[in-house]
Amino acid sequence: QIQLVESGGGMVQAGGSLRLSCVASGGVTSPYAMAWYRQTPGTQRQLIVSTADIDEYNISYVASVKGRFTLSRDNAKNTVYLQMNNLKPEDTGVYYCRAFGRWGPGTQVTVSS
């Protein structure tokens, strides 16, 4: 059974950085299409970044994170990373990865002002 697990969340001050990881297991092969979402209490999950394949030019970022967040992969580890720089309080939320029609459990990111 395919499983996704996120990690790397935490608490940082505004302007800080975090790197999230999403590891896929259960017989998957990389590269694979995936996306990162963010959810805050009382809201729906918002798409942050998505990629259809390994092509680094085929990555789509939501405007609010463009230039600050970067998606990368380690295919040997079936892992996708989300490097988040210059974090802002509005980046706070639970971050989920989605691939193969599945969701990971999420990882909490809290940015203080």
N, C-alpha and C. Protein backbone atom coordinates (compact mmCIF):
# COMPACT_ATOMS: atom_id res chain seq x y z
N GLN A 1 0.84 -1.18 0.00
CA GLN A 1 0.00 0.00 0.00
C GLN A 1 0.88 1.25 0.00
N ILE A 2 0.55 2.18 -0.87
CA ILE A 2 1.34 3.40 -0.96
C ILE A 2 1.09 4.28 0.26
N GLN A 3 2.16 4.78 0.83
CA GLN A 3 2.06 5.70 1.96
C GLN A 3 2.94 6.92 1.73
N LEU A 4 2.48 8.04 2.24
CA LEU A 4 3.23 9.28 2.19
C LEU A 4 3.43 9.76 3.63
N VAL A 5 4.62 10.22 3.92
CA VAL A 5 4.90 10.74 5.25
C VAL A 5 5.68 12.03 5.12
N GLU A 6 5.13 13.10 5.71
CA GLU A 6 5.80 14.39 5.73
C GLU A 6 6.61 14.54 7.02
N SER A 7 7.64 15.35 6.94
CA SER A 7 8.43 15.70 8.11
C SER A 7 9.10 17.04 7.87
N GLY A 8 9.70 17.58 8.92
CA GLY A 8 10.47 18.81 8.79
C GLY A 8 9.78 20.06 9.28
N GLY A 9 8.53 19.93 9.70
CA GLY A 9 7.84 21.10 10.23
C GLY A 9 8.42 21.54 11.55
N GLY A 10 7.98 22.69 12.02
CA GLY A 10 8.46 23.20 13.29
C GLY A 10 8.04 24.63 13.48
N MET A 11 8.67 25.27 14.47
CA MET A 11 8.38 26.66 14.78
C MET A 11 9.61 27.51 14.46
N VAL A 12 9.39 28.56 13.70
CA VAL A 12 10.47 29.47 13.36
C VAL A 12 9.97 30.90 13.44
N GLN A 13 10.90 31.81 13.52
CA GLN A 13 10.54 33.22 13.47
C GLN A 13 10.43 33.68 12.03
N ALA A 14 9.71 34.73 11.83
CA ALA A 14 9.59 35.29 10.49
C ALA A 14 10.97 35.57 9.92
N GLY A 15 11.13 35.22 8.64
CA GLY A 15 12.42 35.35 7.99
C GLY A 15 13.25 34.09 8.03
N GLY A 16 12.82 33.13 8.83
CA GLY A 16 13.55 31.87 8.94
C GLY A 16 13.25 30.91 7.82
N SER A 17 13.84 29.72 7.92
CA SER A 17 13.69 28.71 6.87
C SER A 17 13.38 27.35 7.48
N LEU A 18 12.70 26.56 6.70
CA LEU A 18 12.45 25.16 7.02
C LEU A 18 12.50 24.36 5.73
N ARG A 19 12.85 23.08 5.85
CA ARG A 19 12.77 22.19 4.70
C ARG A 19 11.88 21.02 5.04
N LEU A 20 10.79 20.92 4.32
CA LEU A 20 9.86 19.81 4.50
C LEU A 20 10.25 18.66 3.58
N SER A 21 9.97 17.45 4.04
CA SER A 21 10.22 16.26 3.23
C SER A 21 8.92 15.46 3.10
N CYS A 22 8.78 14.82 1.98
CA CYS A 22 7.66 13.91 1.76
C CYS A 22 8.24 12.63 1.19
N VAL A 23 8.15 11.56 1.96
CA VAL A 23 8.69 10.27 1.54
C VAL A 23 7.54 9.36 1.12
N ALA A 24 7.66 8.79 -0.05
CA ALA A 24 6.66 7.86 -0.56
C ALA A 24 7.20 6.44 -0.45
N SER A 25 6.36 5.54 0.01
CA SER A 25 6.75 4.14 0.12
C SER A 25 5.60 3.25 -0.35
N GLY A 26 5.93 1.97 -0.53
CA GLY A 26 4.88 1.04 -0.94
C GLY A 26 4.93 0.70 -2.42
N GLY A 27 6.15 0.60 -2.94
CA GLY A 27 6.28 0.17 -4.31
C GLY A 27 6.24 1.27 -5.34
N VAL A 28 6.43 2.52 -4.91
CA VAL A 28 6.43 3.63 -5.87
C VAL A 28 7.78 3.75 -6.54
N THR A 29 7.77 4.40 -7.68
CA THR A 29 9.01 4.71 -8.37
C THR A 29 9.03 6.19 -8.67
N SER A 30 10.20 6.77 -8.57
CA SER A 30 10.37 8.19 -8.85
C SER A 30 10.90 8.36 -10.26
N PRO A 31 10.63 9.50 -10.87
CA PRO A 31 9.84 10.62 -10.32
C PRO A 31 8.34 10.37 -10.41
N TYR A 32 7.58 11.06 -9.59
CA TYR A 32 6.14 10.94 -9.61
C TYR A 32 5.53 12.32 -9.45
N ALA A 33 4.36 12.45 -9.98
CA ALA A 33 3.64 13.72 -9.85
C ALA A 33 3.20 13.89 -8.40
N MET A 34 3.36 15.09 -7.88
CA MET A 34 2.96 15.33 -6.51
C MET A 34 2.66 16.80 -6.30
N ALA A 35 2.12 17.12 -5.13
CA ALA A 35 1.82 18.49 -4.79
C ALA A 35 1.91 18.68 -3.28
N TRP A 36 2.20 19.90 -2.90
CA TRP A 36 2.15 20.31 -1.49
C TRP A 36 0.94 21.22 -1.29
N TYR A 37 0.24 20.98 -0.18
CA TYR A 37 -0.89 21.81 0.19
C TYR A 37 -0.66 22.35 1.59
N ARG A 38 -1.35 23.46 1.89
CA ARG A 38 -1.30 24.04 3.23
C ARG A 38 -2.73 24.24 3.70
N GLN A 39 -2.94 23.96 4.98
CA GLN A 39 -4.27 24.15 5.57
C GLN A 39 -4.16 24.86 6.90
N THR A 40 -5.01 25.87 7.10
CA THR A 40 -5.11 26.56 8.37
C THR A 40 -6.49 26.26 8.96
N PRO A 41 -6.64 26.41 10.27
CA PRO A 41 -7.92 26.07 10.90
C PRO A 41 -9.11 26.77 10.25
N GLY A 42 -10.14 26.02 9.96
CA GLY A 42 -11.35 26.59 9.41
C GLY A 42 -11.31 26.85 7.93
N THR A 43 -10.23 26.43 7.26
CA THR A 43 -10.14 26.66 5.82
C THR A 43 -9.89 25.35 5.09
N GLN A 44 -10.09 25.39 3.80
CA GLN A 44 -9.78 24.22 2.98
C GLN A 44 -8.29 24.18 2.68
N ARG A 45 -7.83 23.02 2.32
CA ARG A 45 -6.43 22.88 1.94
C ARG A 45 -6.16 23.68 0.66
N GLN A 46 -5.09 24.43 0.69
CA GLN A 46 -4.72 25.28 -0.44
C GLN A 46 -3.51 24.70 -1.14
N LEU A 47 -3.59 24.62 -2.45
CA LEU A 47 -2.46 24.14 -3.23
C LEU A 47 -1.33 25.17 -3.19
N ILE A 48 -0.14 24.71 -2.83
CA ILE A 48 1.02 25.59 -2.73
C ILE A 48 1.94 25.41 -3.93
N VAL A 49 2.25 24.16 -4.24
CA VAL A 49 3.15 23.88 -5.35
C VAL A 49 2.81 22.50 -5.90
N SER A 50 2.95 22.35 -7.19
CA SER A 50 2.68 21.06 -7.81
C SER A 50 3.67 20.82 -8.93
N THR A 51 3.91 19.56 -9.21
CA THR A 51 4.77 19.20 -10.32
C THR A 51 4.26 17.91 -10.94
N ALA A 52 4.29 17.87 -12.25
CA ALA A 52 3.79 16.69 -12.95
C ALA A 52 4.86 15.62 -13.09
N ASP A 53 6.11 16.05 -13.11
CA ASP A 53 7.16 15.07 -13.30
C ASP A 53 8.48 15.66 -12.85
N ILE A 54 9.54 15.07 -13.29
CA ILE A 54 10.85 15.48 -12.80
C ILE A 54 11.34 16.78 -13.42
N ASP A 55 10.70 17.20 -14.48
CA ASP A 55 11.17 18.38 -15.19
C ASP A 55 11.14 19.58 -14.26
N GLU A 56 12.29 20.12 -13.97
CA GLU A 56 12.34 21.23 -13.03
C GLU A 56 11.69 22.48 -13.59
N TYR A 57 11.41 22.48 -14.85
CA TYR A 57 10.73 23.63 -15.44
C TYR A 57 9.24 23.46 -15.45
N ASN A 58 8.78 22.33 -14.97
CA ASN A 58 7.35 22.06 -14.95
C ASN A 58 6.84 22.03 -13.52
N ILE A 59 7.20 23.04 -12.75
CA ILE A 59 6.77 23.17 -11.37
C ILE A 59 5.94 24.44 -11.26
N SER A 60 4.81 24.34 -10.61
CA SER A 60 3.91 25.48 -10.48
C SER A 60 3.80 25.88 -9.02
N TYR A 61 4.08 27.13 -8.73
CA TYR A 61 4.00 27.67 -7.38
C TYR A 61 2.86 28.69 -7.30
N VAL A 62 2.16 28.68 -6.16
CA VAL A 62 1.18 29.73 -5.94
C VAL A 62 1.91 31.05 -5.76
N ALA A 63 1.30 32.14 -6.16
CA ALA A 63 1.99 33.43 -6.20
C ALA A 63 2.56 33.83 -4.85
N SER A 64 1.88 33.48 -3.78
CA SER A 64 2.31 33.93 -2.45
C SER A 64 3.62 33.30 -1.99
N VAL A 65 4.03 32.20 -2.62
CA VAL A 65 5.27 31.54 -2.20
C VAL A 65 6.35 31.58 -3.27
N LYS A 66 6.00 32.05 -4.43
CA LYS A 66 6.96 32.07 -5.54
C LYS A 66 8.17 32.93 -5.16
N GLY A 67 9.34 32.38 -5.41
CA GLY A 67 10.57 33.08 -5.07
C GLY A 67 11.06 32.78 -3.66
N ARG A 68 10.22 32.18 -2.84
CA ARG A 68 10.61 31.85 -1.46
C ARG A 68 10.65 30.34 -1.23
N PHE A 69 9.78 29.61 -1.90
CA PHE A 69 9.70 28.15 -1.75
C PHE A 69 10.29 27.49 -2.99
N THR A 70 10.99 26.37 -2.76
CA THR A 70 11.59 25.62 -3.88
C THR A 70 11.35 24.13 -3.70
N LEU A 71 10.86 23.52 -4.74
CA LEU A 71 10.61 22.08 -4.75
C LEU A 71 11.83 21.37 -5.34
N SER A 72 12.22 20.28 -4.73
CA SER A 72 13.30 19.47 -5.28
C SER A 72 13.04 18.00 -4.95
N ARG A 73 13.83 17.13 -5.55
CA ARG A 73 13.61 15.69 -5.39
C ARG A 73 14.91 14.95 -5.13
N ASP A 74 14.77 13.82 -4.46
CA ASP A 74 15.83 12.82 -4.41
C ASP A 74 15.17 11.52 -4.85
N ASN A 75 15.30 11.20 -6.12
CA ASN A 75 14.58 10.06 -6.65
C ASN A 75 15.04 8.75 -6.03
N ALA A 76 16.30 8.68 -5.68
CA ALA A 76 16.82 7.45 -5.08
C ALA A 76 16.13 7.16 -3.74
N LYS A 77 15.65 8.21 -3.10
CA LYS A 77 15.00 8.07 -1.80
C LYS A 77 13.49 8.21 -1.89
N ASN A 78 12.96 8.33 -3.12
CA ASN A 78 11.52 8.55 -3.29
C ASN A 78 11.03 9.71 -2.42
N THR A 79 11.82 10.75 -2.36
CA THR A 79 11.55 11.87 -1.48
C THR A 79 11.47 13.16 -2.27
N VAL A 80 10.50 13.97 -1.91
CA VAL A 80 10.36 15.31 -2.47
C VAL A 80 10.50 16.31 -1.32
N TYR A 81 11.23 17.36 -1.58
CA TYR A 81 11.49 18.37 -0.55
C TYR A 81 10.81 19.68 -0.91
N LEU A 82 10.47 20.42 0.11
CA LEU A 82 9.98 21.78 -0.07
C LEU A 82 10.83 22.69 0.81
N GLN A 83 11.77 23.38 0.18
CA GLN A 83 12.60 24.35 0.90
C GLN A 83 11.82 25.65 1.02
N MET A 84 11.64 26.11 2.24
CA MET A 84 10.85 27.31 2.50
C MET A 84 11.75 28.35 3.15
N ASN A 85 11.99 29.42 2.44
CA ASN A 85 12.84 30.50 2.93
C ASN A 85 12.03 31.76 3.16
N ASN A 86 12.60 32.67 3.95
CA ASN A 86 11.94 33.93 4.23
C ASN A 86 10.49 33.70 4.65
N LEU A 87 10.32 32.82 5.60
CA LEU A 87 8.96 32.46 6.03
C LEU A 87 8.25 33.64 6.66
N LYS A 88 6.94 33.67 6.46
CA LYS A 88 6.09 34.73 6.98
C LYS A 88 5.03 34.12 7.89
N PRO A 89 4.47 34.91 8.80
CA PRO A 89 3.43 34.36 9.68
C PRO A 89 2.26 33.74 8.90
N GLU A 90 1.96 34.28 7.75
CA GLU A 90 0.86 33.73 6.95
C GLU A 90 1.19 32.38 6.31
N ASP A 91 2.43 31.95 6.43
CA ASP A 91 2.79 30.61 5.96
C ASP A 91 2.44 29.54 7.00
N THR A 92 2.02 29.96 8.16
CA THR A 92 1.66 29.02 9.21
C THR A 92 0.52 28.12 8.77
N GLY A 93 0.62 26.84 9.11
CA GLY A 93 -0.43 25.89 8.79
C GLY A 93 0.11 24.47 8.81
N VAL A 94 -0.75 23.55 8.51
CA VAL A 94 -0.34 22.16 8.36
C VAL A 94 -0.08 21.91 6.88
N TYR A 95 1.08 21.38 6.59
CA TYR A 95 1.49 21.13 5.21
C TYR A 95 1.33 19.65 4.90
N TYR A 96 0.67 19.38 3.79
CA TYR A 96 0.40 18.02 3.35
C TYR A 96 1.00 17.79 1.97
N CYS A 97 1.51 16.60 1.76
CA CYS A 97 1.87 16.23 0.41
C CYS A 97 0.81 15.28 -0.14
N ARG A 98 0.62 15.33 -1.43
CA ARG A 98 -0.37 14.51 -2.10
C ARG A 98 0.24 13.92 -3.34
N ALA A 99 0.07 12.60 -3.48
CA ALA A 99 0.55 11.88 -4.66
C ALA A 99 -0.20 10.56 -4.74
N PHE A 100 -0.32 10.04 -5.93
CA PHE A 100 -0.98 8.74 -6.15
C PHE A 100 -2.40 8.73 -5.57
N GLY A 101 -3.03 9.90 -5.52
CA GLY A 101 -4.38 9.99 -4.98
C GLY A 101 -4.45 9.87 -3.47
N ARG A 102 -3.31 10.01 -2.81
CA ARG A 102 -3.27 9.85 -1.36
C ARG A 102 -2.71 11.09 -0.70
N TRP A 103 -3.01 11.22 0.60
CA TRP A 103 -2.50 12.30 1.42
C TRP A 103 -1.58 11.74 2.50
N GLY A 104 -0.55 12.53 2.84
CA GLY A 104 0.19 12.22 4.03
C GLY A 104 -0.54 12.76 5.25
N PRO A 105 -0.05 12.47 6.45
CA PRO A 105 -0.70 12.94 7.68
C PRO A 105 -0.48 14.41 7.95
N GLY A 106 0.49 15.03 7.30
CA GLY A 106 0.75 16.44 7.48
C GLY A 106 1.83 16.74 8.50
N THR A 107 2.41 17.93 8.37
CA THR A 107 3.41 18.40 9.32
C THR A 107 3.13 19.87 9.60
N GLN A 108 3.19 20.24 10.87
CA GLN A 108 2.81 21.59 11.30
C GLN A 108 3.98 22.55 11.12
N VAL A 109 3.68 23.69 10.52
CA VAL A 109 4.63 24.79 10.40
C VAL A 109 4.03 26.01 11.10
N THR A 110 4.79 26.58 12.02
CA THR A 110 4.34 27.77 12.74
C THR A 110 5.41 28.84 12.61
N VAL A 111 5.00 29.98 12.09
CA VAL A 111 5.92 31.10 11.90
C VAL A 111 5.46 32.25 12.79
N SER A 112 6.31 32.66 13.69
CA SER A 112 5.97 33.74 14.60
C SER A 112 6.51 35.06 14.08
N SER A 113 5.82 36.11 14.44
CA SER A 113 6.22 37.44 13.95
C SER A 113 7.21 38.09 14.91
